[in-house]
Amino acid sequence: MRKSIIVYINGVRHELEGKAAFETVANYLRYTKGLTGTKVVCSEGDCGACTVLLSRFDGEKMGRVRTINSCISFMYLLDRCHLITVEGLKKVDHLHPVQEAMMKHHGAQCGYCTPGIVCSLASMTEDAINDHIEIDDKKVKNYLTGNLCRCTGYEPIIKAGVATDLEKVSTFSSLYGHAEMVKEFKELSSVDVAIESQNKKVFLPHSYQALFQHGNHANMKVTSGATDLGVLVNKGKIDLQEIVSLNNIQESYQIEDSSKEIIIGAKASLTDVEKACEKDFPEFSKKLHVFASPQIKNKGTLVGNLVNASPIGDTIPFLRVSGAKVVLHNGTNSRTIAIDDFFLGGYKELDLKDDEIVTKIILPKNNYEFKLYKVSIRKDLDISSVSMAIAYKMDGDIFTDFKIGIGGVGPTVMRISSIEKAIIGTTLDQNTFKKVAKLLDTEIKPLSDIRGSSDYRKLLSHNLLLKFCDEVIVESGKTLSEASV
């Protein structure tokens, strides 16, 4: 059992124990190590000023470098990782080509957001080299989705990203030799970590077996990506005192893809899930693309979003209509239940016993077509007012199967069985959907809050159902006027 975490920062080994392990990454960098290039503004993972680069040991080698928000991450989550800050981007006496391009194109004014932007663009160049892709305006904008600039304006920043000379870019594996850290991390792979400081405890098991052998964890908060928890801690809403992190369980990162299903581990990032679903669930993959910033998706997980069980959780409507299954384990027994049985109907009420954790989500490949909708104030990186997922099968113009899930209209993401029964067996027809949509008036009971009134959410749900009908009509080759006869 280790009582410290081992992390490399800009190629230098650091061993943290006690209080230091519980600090946010941003605070540790700024106030303990004096690496003040990393800024903190929102403390919520929204603005990207705190962006740093992280490479995680995958059991054999250091994984791909990805961006994360350091303000909502904790140092104990960085065990067996290599962290690169804006100070670590340059060689001994040369700036990173991204930094040079930002200077040349006047990509900074106050400079507060600049280090995070530079880190995001540096990750873009790394991916461009590894994946042999060209950088254009769209690519730059995608990588900067999680970075907010308040005064410069994005035009010069985008120009700097496009103008970065990839031939001058040194990959991080060449800039920092990984041999030393890989050797040490391999030796640590089968060792658990337990750290205490004052009233705080964190346990990082190396396997699920070790997790359950550790004893009763019913009173401990089991974390996956902790992107939501990080915000709550920063804002003083909760105080995480006893924590179990799945961070060092290598099998939890796995995604298994077969002809029948995709099995997604508890620590598989939303970034990896998005890529894994591109072929078989393209609608879901597209929704994940605008679900959150790269920094959030690189840490956040599908299992974490599920277990958080927010009634406006963006992935849950899809999971509820896809026929997904949830795998739960208590150290002795494993059980697999249907997603609809996992949700018990009340606010965050789940069929999850105190001694169980969710280890996997199974997405069956059952040949449904999907339509996914999200209405929010912003297109990207925003909490939904209403979200809707529809899974359906058709034989010609006849619906042979139909499932609908709606978020933001009740204490949990809801399946509307009355609408499902009313649609199955009917013809694709606008008048039918107009009649069926009226059932929502009594089936949903949304609350009014800052993101929309109850009446507004009812209207959105009604209109999204009609939008689905119109889209399927157009895709079938008919005109809307023909389908309304």
Protein backbone atom coordinates (compact mmCIF):
# COMPACT_ATOMS: atom_id res chain seq x y z
CA MET A 1 0.00 0.00 0.00
CA ARG A 2 1.35 3.40 -0.99
CA LYS A 3 0.65 6.51 1.06
CA SER A 4 1.52 8.93 -1.72
CA ILE A 5 0.88 9.54 -5.39
CA ILE A 6 3.57 9.77 -8.05
CA VAL A 7 3.12 12.30 -10.84
CA TYR A 8 5.56 13.83 -13.30
CA ILE A 9 5.15 17.55 -14.01
CA ASN A 10 6.94 18.86 -17.08
CA GLY A 11 9.19 15.81 -16.94
CA VAL A 12 10.08 16.16 -13.24
CA ARG A 13 9.03 13.52 -10.72
CA HIS A 14 6.83 14.62 -7.81
CA GLU A 15 5.66 12.55 -4.85
CA LEU A 16 2.67 13.92 -2.96
CA GLU A 17 1.24 12.77 0.33
CA GLY A 18 -1.14 14.15 2.91
CA LYS A 19 -2.82 17.49 2.25
CA ALA A 20 -1.10 18.10 -1.10
CA ALA A 21 -2.84 15.09 -2.65
CA PHE A 22 -6.27 16.66 -2.02
CA GLU A 23 -5.50 20.05 -3.58
CA THR A 24 -6.98 20.99 -6.92
CA VAL A 25 -4.42 20.64 -9.69
CA ALA A 26 -4.57 24.37 -10.40
CA ASN A 27 -3.92 25.36 -6.79
CA TYR A 28 -1.06 22.89 -6.46
CA LEU A 29 0.57 24.19 -9.62
CA ARG A 30 0.14 27.86 -8.74
CA TYR A 31 0.68 28.01 -5.00
CA THR A 32 2.85 25.00 -4.21
CA LYS A 33 5.03 24.78 -7.31
CA GLY A 34 4.91 28.42 -8.45
CA LEU A 35 3.78 27.47 -11.96
CA THR A 36 1.55 30.51 -12.31
CA GLY A 37 1.12 30.27 -16.06
CA THR A 38 -1.94 28.16 -15.30
CA LYS A 39 -4.78 30.60 -14.52
CA VAL A 40 -8.00 30.18 -12.58
CA VAL A 41 -11.08 32.23 -13.47
CA CYS A 42 -14.42 30.42 -13.23
CA SER A 43 -13.42 27.42 -11.05
CA GLU A 44 -16.15 25.48 -12.86
CA GLY A 45 -14.35 24.06 -15.89
CA ASP A 46 -16.20 26.43 -18.22
CA CYS A 47 -13.68 29.03 -19.39
CA GLY A 48 -10.54 26.98 -20.10
CA ALA A 49 -8.05 29.43 -18.57
CA CYS A 50 -6.84 26.58 -16.35
CA THR A 51 -6.24 24.13 -19.23
CA VAL A 52 -3.26 21.82 -18.87
CA LEU A 53 -2.13 18.70 -20.73
CA LEU A 54 -2.22 15.21 -19.27
CA SER A 55 -0.87 11.85 -20.33
CA ARG A 56 -1.95 8.77 -18.35
CA PHE A 57 -0.11 5.47 -18.02
CA ASP A 58 -2.23 2.82 -19.76
CA GLY A 59 -0.53 -0.26 -18.35
CA GLU A 60 2.16 -0.47 -21.01
CA LYS A 61 3.02 3.05 -22.10
CA MET A 62 2.07 6.67 -21.61
CA GLY A 63 -1.22 7.39 -23.34
CA ARG A 64 -2.06 10.22 -25.67
CA VAL A 65 -1.71 13.75 -24.30
CA ARG A 66 -5.10 15.35 -23.70
CA THR A 67 -6.35 18.60 -22.24
CA ILE A 68 -8.13 18.80 -18.89
CA ASN A 69 -9.47 21.58 -16.66
CA SER A 70 -7.04 21.78 -13.75
CA CYS A 71 -9.42 23.87 -11.63
CA ILE A 72 -11.90 21.01 -11.10
CA SER A 73 -9.41 18.15 -10.97
CA PHE A 74 -7.62 16.94 -7.87
CA MET A 75 -4.02 15.86 -7.49
CA TYR A 76 -4.94 12.35 -6.31
CA LEU A 77 -6.48 11.80 -9.76
CA LEU A 78 -3.04 12.29 -11.35
CA ASP A 79 -1.32 9.26 -9.89
CA ARG A 80 0.82 7.60 -12.61
CA CYS A 81 0.37 10.54 -14.97
CA HIS A 82 2.53 13.09 -16.74
CA LEU A 83 1.22 16.64 -16.45
CA ILE A 84 2.43 19.33 -18.85
CA THR A 85 1.73 23.00 -18.15
CA VAL A 86 2.19 26.00 -20.41
CA GLU A 87 5.68 26.41 -18.94
CA GLY A 88 6.54 22.91 -20.16
CA LEU A 89 5.63 23.44 -23.80
CA LYS A 90 8.87 25.06 -24.88
CA LYS A 91 12.27 23.56 -25.40
CA VAL A 92 15.21 24.91 -23.41
CA ASP A 93 15.47 28.11 -25.39
CA HIS A 94 12.66 27.92 -27.98
CA LEU A 95 8.96 28.61 -27.65
CA HIS A 96 6.45 26.05 -28.85
CA PRO A 97 5.42 26.83 -32.46
CA VAL A 98 1.89 27.54 -31.19
CA GLN A 99 3.30 30.21 -28.87
CA GLU A 100 5.28 31.70 -31.74
CA ALA A 101 2.19 31.79 -33.97
CA MET A 102 0.14 33.46 -31.21
CA MET A 103 2.77 36.19 -30.96
CA LYS A 104 3.01 36.65 -34.71
CA HIS A 105 -0.76 36.95 -35.18
CA HIS A 106 -1.39 39.05 -32.06
CA GLY A 107 -3.48 36.36 -30.42
CA ALA A 108 -3.43 37.84 -26.92
CA GLN A 109 -4.36 41.09 -25.19
CA CYS A 110 -4.72 40.77 -21.43
CA GLY A 111 -3.24 37.30 -21.68
CA TYR A 112 -5.25 35.73 -18.89
CA CYS A 113 -6.90 33.15 -21.13
CA THR A 114 -3.82 32.73 -23.34
CA PRO A 115 -2.01 29.90 -21.50
CA GLY A 116 -5.10 27.71 -21.65
CA ILE A 117 -5.63 28.51 -25.31
CA VAL A 118 -2.00 27.70 -26.08
CA CYS A 119 -2.31 24.34 -24.29
CA SER A 120 -5.45 23.48 -26.26
CA LEU A 121 -3.78 24.38 -29.56
CA ALA A 122 -0.67 22.41 -28.57
CA SER A 123 -2.83 19.32 -28.05
CA MET A 124 -4.30 19.97 -31.50
CA THR A 125 -0.84 19.93 -33.09
CA GLU A 126 0.01 16.71 -31.25
CA ASP A 127 -3.14 15.01 -32.59
CA ALA A 128 -2.54 16.41 -36.07
CA ILE A 129 0.91 14.84 -36.16
CA ASN A 130 -0.18 11.50 -34.68
CA ASP A 131 -3.30 11.20 -36.86
CA HIS A 132 -1.83 12.78 -40.03
CA ILE A 133 -4.56 15.39 -40.34
CA GLU A 134 -4.50 18.91 -41.68
CA ILE A 135 -5.35 21.90 -39.53
CA ASP A 136 -8.06 24.24 -40.78
CA ASP A 137 -10.41 26.81 -39.24
CA LYS A 138 -12.94 24.16 -38.20
CA LYS A 139 -10.31 22.02 -36.54
CA VAL A 140 -8.99 24.98 -34.55
CA LYS A 141 -12.49 25.97 -33.45
CA ASN A 142 -13.23 22.42 -32.31
CA TYR A 143 -10.14 22.34 -30.12
CA LEU A 144 -10.91 25.78 -28.71
CA THR A 145 -14.52 24.97 -27.81
CA GLY A 146 -13.66 24.95 -24.13
CA ASN A 147 -11.58 28.13 -24.12
CA LEU A 148 -13.21 31.50 -23.54
CA CYS A 149 -11.42 34.68 -24.62
CA ARG A 150 -12.87 37.86 -23.19
CA CYS A 151 -10.95 40.61 -24.97
CA THR A 152 -8.74 39.51 -27.88
CA GLY A 153 -11.39 38.24 -30.26
CA TYR A 154 -11.10 34.83 -31.85
CA GLU A 155 -10.02 35.79 -35.37
CA PRO A 156 -6.31 36.25 -34.59
CA ILE A 157 -6.33 33.17 -32.36
CA ILE A 158 -7.82 31.03 -35.12
CA LYS A 159 -5.30 32.43 -37.59
CA ALA A 160 -2.51 31.52 -35.19
CA GLY A 161 -3.80 27.96 -34.89
CA VAL A 162 -4.04 27.48 -38.65
CA ALA A 163 -0.63 29.07 -39.23
CA THR A 164 1.22 26.85 -36.73
CA ASP A 165 4.06 25.08 -38.52
CA LEU A 166 3.68 21.38 -37.73
CA GLU A 167 7.16 20.65 -39.08
CA LYS A 168 8.57 22.62 -36.18
CA VAL A 169 6.45 20.87 -33.56
CA SER A 170 8.17 18.33 -31.34
CA THR A 171 5.80 15.70 -30.00
CA PHE A 172 5.65 15.45 -26.24
CA SER A 173 7.06 11.93 -26.32
CA SER A 174 10.17 13.30 -28.02
CA LEU A 175 10.28 16.44 -25.88
CA TYR A 176 10.03 14.36 -22.71
CA GLY A 177 11.47 10.84 -22.71
CA HIS A 178 8.95 8.50 -21.13
CA ALA A 179 11.24 5.57 -20.33
CA GLU A 180 11.87 6.55 -16.71
CA MET A 181 8.26 7.19 -15.81
CA VAL A 182 6.96 4.12 -17.67
CA LYS A 183 9.43 1.90 -15.80
CA GLU A 184 8.31 3.29 -12.44
CA PHE A 185 4.60 3.25 -13.28
CA LYS A 186 4.79 -0.41 -14.33
CA GLU A 187 6.30 -1.28 -10.98
CA LEU A 188 3.46 0.58 -9.24
CA SER A 189 0.66 -0.98 -11.31
CA SER A 190 -0.31 -3.59 -8.73
CA VAL A 191 0.00 -1.36 -5.66
CA ASP A 192 -2.99 0.37 -4.07
CA VAL A 193 -2.89 3.95 -2.81
CA ALA A 194 -4.42 5.13 0.47
CA ILE A 195 -3.88 8.70 1.66
CA GLU A 196 -5.21 10.46 4.73
CA SER A 197 -5.02 14.11 5.74
CA GLN A 198 -6.93 15.52 8.67
CA ASN A 199 -10.56 14.54 7.99
CA LYS A 200 -10.01 13.41 4.40
CA LYS A 201 -9.31 9.95 2.99
CA VAL A 202 -8.83 8.74 -0.55
CA PHE A 203 -8.38 5.18 -1.74
CA LEU A 204 -7.14 4.33 -5.24
CA PRO A 205 -7.31 0.54 -5.75
CA HIS A 206 -5.40 -1.01 -8.62
CA SER A 207 -8.25 -3.43 -9.43
CA TYR A 208 -11.93 -4.00 -8.72
CA GLN A 209 -10.94 -6.98 -6.57
CA ALA A 210 -8.72 -4.74 -4.46
CA LEU A 211 -11.54 -2.21 -4.18
CA PHE A 212 -13.94 -4.69 -2.62
CA GLN A 213 -11.27 -6.34 -0.48
CA HIS A 214 -10.57 -2.95 1.04
CA GLY A 215 -13.75 -3.29 3.11
CA ASN A 216 -16.98 -1.39 3.38
CA HIS A 217 -17.02 1.57 1.02
CA ALA A 218 -20.73 2.35 1.47
CA ASN A 219 -19.90 5.62 3.22
CA MET A 220 -17.26 6.61 0.68
CA LYS A 221 -17.95 8.61 -2.47
CA VAL A 222 -17.00 6.53 -5.50
CA THR A 223 -15.78 8.82 -8.27
CA SER A 224 -15.14 8.33 -11.95
CA GLY A 225 -14.29 11.53 -13.86
CA ALA A 226 -15.41 13.80 -10.98
CA THR A 227 -16.08 16.71 -13.35
CA ASP A 228 -19.37 17.53 -11.63
CA LEU A 229 -18.03 16.86 -8.14
CA GLY A 230 -15.08 19.16 -8.78
CA VAL A 231 -17.43 22.08 -9.39
CA LEU A 232 -19.48 21.31 -6.28
CA VAL A 233 -16.35 21.17 -4.13
CA ASN A 234 -15.02 24.46 -5.52
CA LYS A 235 -18.33 26.20 -4.90
CA GLY A 236 -18.57 24.90 -1.33
CA LYS A 237 -21.66 22.79 -2.02
CA ILE A 238 -20.08 19.55 -0.77
CA ASP A 239 -16.97 18.48 1.10
CA LEU A 240 -15.58 15.18 -0.14
CA GLN A 241 -14.13 13.52 2.94
CA GLU A 242 -13.98 9.82 2.08
CA ILE A 243 -13.32 9.03 -1.56
CA VAL A 244 -12.80 5.94 -3.66
CA SER A 245 -11.38 6.71 -7.09
CA LEU A 246 -11.44 4.21 -9.97
CA ASN A 247 -8.55 6.07 -11.55
CA ASN A 248 -5.94 3.30 -11.23
CA ILE A 249 -8.17 0.39 -12.31
CA GLN A 250 -6.88 -0.21 -15.80
CA GLU A 251 -9.73 -2.46 -16.96
CA SER A 252 -12.24 0.29 -16.16
CA TYR A 253 -10.98 2.30 -19.16
CA GLN A 254 -11.77 -0.44 -21.66
CA ILE A 255 -14.31 -0.21 -24.47
CA GLU A 256 -15.15 -3.55 -26.11
CA ASP A 257 -16.77 -3.46 -29.55
CA SER A 258 -18.31 -6.62 -30.98
CA SER A 259 -20.87 -7.37 -33.67
CA LYS A 260 -23.65 -7.42 -31.05
CA GLU A 261 -22.79 -4.66 -28.59
CA ILE A 262 -20.42 -2.02 -27.30
CA ILE A 263 -19.35 -2.48 -23.68
CA ILE A 264 -18.15 0.73 -22.04
CA GLY A 265 -16.07 0.67 -18.84
CA ALA A 266 -16.68 2.97 -15.89
CA LYS A 267 -13.60 5.12 -16.59
CA ALA A 268 -13.87 5.25 -20.40
CA SER A 269 -13.88 8.95 -21.21
CA LEU A 270 -16.64 10.62 -23.19
CA THR A 271 -13.99 11.44 -25.79
CA ASP A 272 -13.34 7.72 -26.30
CA VAL A 273 -17.06 6.89 -26.19
CA GLU A 274 -17.72 9.49 -28.89
CA LYS A 275 -15.17 7.83 -31.16
CA ALA A 276 -16.35 4.31 -30.33
CA CYS A 277 -19.96 5.15 -31.26
CA GLU A 278 -19.25 6.90 -34.59
CA LYS A 279 -20.10 3.86 -36.73
CA ASP A 280 -23.01 2.19 -34.95
CA PHE A 281 -24.56 5.13 -33.08
CA PRO A 282 -23.68 8.18 -35.20
CA GLU A 283 -26.49 10.34 -33.76
CA PHE A 284 -25.20 9.76 -30.23
CA SER A 285 -21.64 10.43 -31.33
CA LYS A 286 -22.71 13.76 -32.88
CA LYS A 287 -24.51 14.76 -29.69
CA LEU A 288 -21.41 13.96 -27.63
CA HIS A 289 -19.44 16.22 -29.96
CA VAL A 290 -21.31 19.25 -28.59
CA PHE A 291 -21.98 17.73 -25.16
CA ALA A 292 -19.05 19.49 -23.52
CA SER A 293 -15.60 20.92 -24.13
CA PRO A 294 -12.68 18.63 -24.99
CA GLN A 295 -11.33 19.28 -21.49
CA ILE A 296 -14.51 17.97 -19.87
CA LYS A 297 -14.96 15.03 -22.26
CA ASN A 298 -11.36 13.96 -21.70
CA LYS A 299 -12.16 13.41 -18.00
CA GLY A 300 -15.92 12.92 -17.84
CA THR A 301 -17.37 9.44 -18.29
CA LEU A 302 -20.60 7.90 -19.55
CA VAL A 303 -20.99 5.87 -16.35
CA GLY A 304 -20.48 9.00 -14.26
CA ASN A 305 -23.15 10.84 -16.23
CA LEU A 306 -25.51 7.90 -15.76
CA VAL A 307 -24.98 7.46 -12.01
CA ASN A 308 -25.19 11.20 -11.40
CA ALA A 309 -28.77 10.65 -12.65
CA SER A 310 -29.53 14.28 -13.34
CA PRO A 311 -32.98 14.78 -14.90
CA ILE A 312 -31.20 16.91 -17.50
CA GLY A 313 -28.27 14.54 -18.00
CA ASP A 314 -27.53 14.73 -21.72
CA THR A 315 -26.62 11.08 -22.30
CA ILE A 316 -29.46 9.52 -20.30
CA PRO A 317 -32.31 10.02 -22.84
CA PHE A 318 -30.29 8.09 -25.42
CA LEU A 319 -29.40 5.37 -22.92
CA ARG A 320 -33.05 4.97 -21.94
CA VAL A 321 -34.28 4.41 -25.51
CA SER A 322 -31.29 2.43 -26.78
CA GLY A 323 -32.02 -0.64 -24.68
CA ALA A 324 -28.80 -0.13 -22.73
CA LYS A 325 -27.93 -2.41 -19.84
CA VAL A 326 -26.14 -1.55 -16.61
CA VAL A 327 -23.59 -3.90 -15.04
CA LEU A 328 -23.33 -3.67 -11.25
CA HIS A 329 -20.82 -5.41 -9.00
CA ASN A 330 -20.40 -5.79 -5.25
CA GLY A 331 -17.20 -7.81 -5.11
CA THR A 332 -19.00 -11.14 -4.83
CA ASN A 333 -21.78 -10.98 -7.36
CA SER A 334 -22.34 -9.16 -10.61
CA ARG A 335 -25.77 -8.37 -12.01
CA THR A 336 -26.88 -6.86 -15.29
CA ILE A 337 -30.14 -4.94 -15.42
CA ALA A 338 -32.05 -3.07 -18.10
CA ILE A 339 -31.58 0.69 -18.06
CA ASP A 340 -35.30 1.22 -17.42
CA ASP A 341 -35.11 -0.93 -14.29
CA PHE A 342 -32.08 1.04 -13.08
CA PHE A 343 -34.16 4.22 -12.76
CA LEU A 344 -36.79 3.94 -10.03
CA GLY A 345 -38.78 7.06 -10.93
CA GLY A 346 -37.87 9.57 -8.22
CA TYR A 347 -35.18 12.24 -8.23
CA LYS A 348 -31.84 10.39 -8.41
CA GLU A 349 -33.48 7.17 -7.20
CA LEU A 350 -31.54 4.24 -8.65
CA ASP A 351 -31.49 0.47 -8.25
CA LEU A 352 -27.95 0.72 -6.87
CA LYS A 353 -27.29 -0.92 -3.52
CA ASP A 354 -24.90 0.55 -0.96
CA ASP A 355 -22.32 -2.18 -1.61
CA GLU A 356 -22.50 -1.94 -5.41
CA ILE A 357 -20.84 0.13 -8.07
CA VAL A 358 -21.56 0.42 -11.78
CA THR A 359 -18.67 -1.12 -13.70
CA LYS A 360 -19.99 -1.11 -17.27
CA ILE A 361 -22.71 0.08 -19.63
CA ILE A 362 -23.72 -2.20 -22.51
CA LEU A 363 -25.09 -0.67 -25.72
CA PRO A 364 -26.80 -3.38 -27.82
CA LYS A 365 -26.65 -3.07 -31.58
CA ASN A 366 -30.34 -3.69 -32.21
CA ASN A 367 -30.82 -1.86 -35.53
CA TYR A 368 -32.86 1.06 -34.23
CA GLU A 369 -32.77 4.43 -35.94
CA PHE A 370 -32.19 7.34 -33.56
CA LYS A 371 -33.04 11.01 -33.40
CA LEU A 372 -31.55 13.03 -30.55
CA TYR A 373 -32.45 16.62 -29.67
CA LYS A 374 -31.19 19.12 -27.14
CA VAL A 375 -32.47 22.65 -26.58
CA SER A 376 -30.24 24.99 -24.60
CA ILE A 377 -29.35 28.66 -24.56
CA ARG A 378 -26.04 27.90 -26.30
CA LYS A 379 -25.41 25.15 -28.83
CA ASP A 380 -22.15 24.05 -27.22
CA LEU A 381 -21.26 23.38 -23.61
CA ASP A 382 -24.57 24.27 -22.07
CA ILE A 383 -27.05 22.60 -19.76
CA SER A 384 -30.20 21.59 -21.57
CA SER A 385 -33.64 23.03 -20.97
CA VAL A 386 -35.18 19.98 -22.64
CA SER A 387 -33.56 16.98 -24.28
CA MET A 388 -35.25 14.22 -26.22
CA ALA A 389 -34.21 10.88 -27.67
CA ILE A 390 -36.29 8.75 -30.00
CA ALA A 391 -35.48 5.22 -31.14
CA TYR A 392 -37.65 3.75 -33.87
CA LYS A 393 -38.06 1.05 -36.49
CA MET A 394 -40.21 1.26 -39.60
CA ASP A 395 -41.61 -1.10 -42.19
CA GLY A 396 -42.29 1.22 -45.10
CA ASP A 397 -44.41 4.04 -43.64
CA ILE A 398 -45.46 2.04 -40.56
CA PHE A 399 -43.78 2.41 -37.18
CA THR A 400 -43.10 -1.11 -35.92
CA ASP A 401 -41.31 0.11 -32.78
CA PHE A 402 -41.02 3.48 -31.07
CA LYS A 403 -39.31 4.63 -27.87
CA ILE A 404 -39.15 8.17 -26.53
CA GLY A 405 -37.15 9.57 -23.60
CA ILE A 406 -37.34 13.19 -22.44
CA GLY A 407 -35.10 15.04 -20.01
CA GLY A 408 -35.85 18.25 -18.16
CA VAL A 409 -39.55 17.60 -17.72
CA GLY A 410 -39.69 15.63 -14.47
CA PRO A 411 -37.68 14.31 -11.51
CA THR A 412 -35.81 11.95 -13.81
CA VAL A 413 -35.37 11.42 -17.54
CA MET A 414 -38.76 9.98 -18.51
CA ARG A 415 -39.93 7.28 -20.90
CA ILE A 416 -43.41 8.22 -22.18
CA SER A 417 -45.13 4.86 -22.66
CA SER A 418 -48.48 6.32 -23.70
CA ILE A 419 -46.90 8.03 -26.69
CA GLU A 420 -44.90 4.92 -27.57
CA LYS A 421 -48.07 2.78 -27.63
CA ALA A 422 -49.95 5.42 -29.62
CA ILE A 423 -47.28 5.60 -32.35
CA ILE A 424 -46.52 1.89 -32.84
CA GLY A 425 -48.55 0.55 -35.74
CA THR A 426 -49.41 3.96 -37.14
CA THR A 427 -48.40 5.52 -40.44
CA LEU A 428 -45.86 8.30 -40.69
CA ASP A 429 -48.27 11.23 -40.71
CA GLN A 430 -48.20 14.78 -39.37
CA ASN A 431 -51.81 14.70 -38.16
CA THR A 432 -51.14 11.56 -36.12
CA PHE A 433 -48.15 13.15 -34.42
CA LYS A 434 -50.08 16.35 -33.70
CA LYS A 435 -52.73 14.30 -31.88
CA VAL A 436 -50.19 12.18 -30.03
CA ALA A 437 -48.14 15.22 -28.99
CA LYS A 438 -51.12 16.47 -26.99
CA LEU A 439 -50.59 13.56 -24.59
CA LEU A 440 -47.56 15.42 -23.29
CA ASP A 441 -49.87 17.96 -21.62
CA THR A 442 -50.75 15.41 -18.96
CA GLU A 443 -47.73 13.08 -19.07
CA ILE A 444 -45.00 15.59 -18.16
CA LYS A 445 -44.83 17.99 -15.24
CA PRO A 446 -41.75 20.16 -15.71
CA LEU A 447 -40.64 22.70 -13.15
CA SER A 448 -39.92 26.37 -13.85
CA ASP A 449 -36.36 27.56 -13.28
CA ILE A 450 -33.71 29.82 -14.76
CA ARG A 451 -33.49 27.68 -17.93
CA GLY A 452 -37.19 27.84 -18.75
CA SER A 453 -40.71 27.90 -17.42
CA SER A 454 -42.93 24.85 -17.14
CA ASP A 455 -45.04 26.01 -20.09
CA TYR A 456 -41.92 26.64 -22.18
CA ARG A 457 -40.64 23.12 -21.52
CA LYS A 458 -44.00 21.62 -22.43
CA LEU A 459 -44.02 23.57 -25.68
CA LEU A 460 -40.46 22.48 -26.46
CA SER A 461 -41.31 18.82 -25.87
CA HIS A 462 -44.40 19.13 -28.07
CA ASN A 463 -42.47 20.81 -30.88
CA LEU A 464 -39.53 18.40 -30.74
CA LEU A 465 -41.89 15.49 -31.29
CA LEU A 466 -43.36 17.25 -34.32
CA LYS A 467 -39.86 18.09 -35.54
CA PHE A 468 -39.01 14.39 -35.41
CA CYS A 469 -42.03 13.61 -37.59
CA ASP A 470 -41.10 16.27 -40.15
CA GLU A 471 -37.49 15.11 -40.33
CA VAL A 472 -38.43 11.47 -40.92
CA ILE A 473 -40.95 12.51 -43.58
CA VAL A 474 -38.33 14.51 -45.48
CA GLU A 475 -35.79 11.70 -45.15
CA SER A 476 -38.35 9.26 -46.60
CA GLY A 477 -38.47 11.34 -49.78
CA LYS A 478 -41.90 12.85 -49.26
CA THR A 479 -42.85 16.49 -48.95
CA LEU A 480 -44.40 17.77 -45.74
CA SER A 481 -47.60 18.68 -47.58
CA GLU A 482 -47.98 15.12 -48.86
CA ALA A 483 -47.63 13.71 -45.33
CA SER A 484 -50.27 16.01 -43.86
CA VAL A 485 -53.06 14.81 -46.17
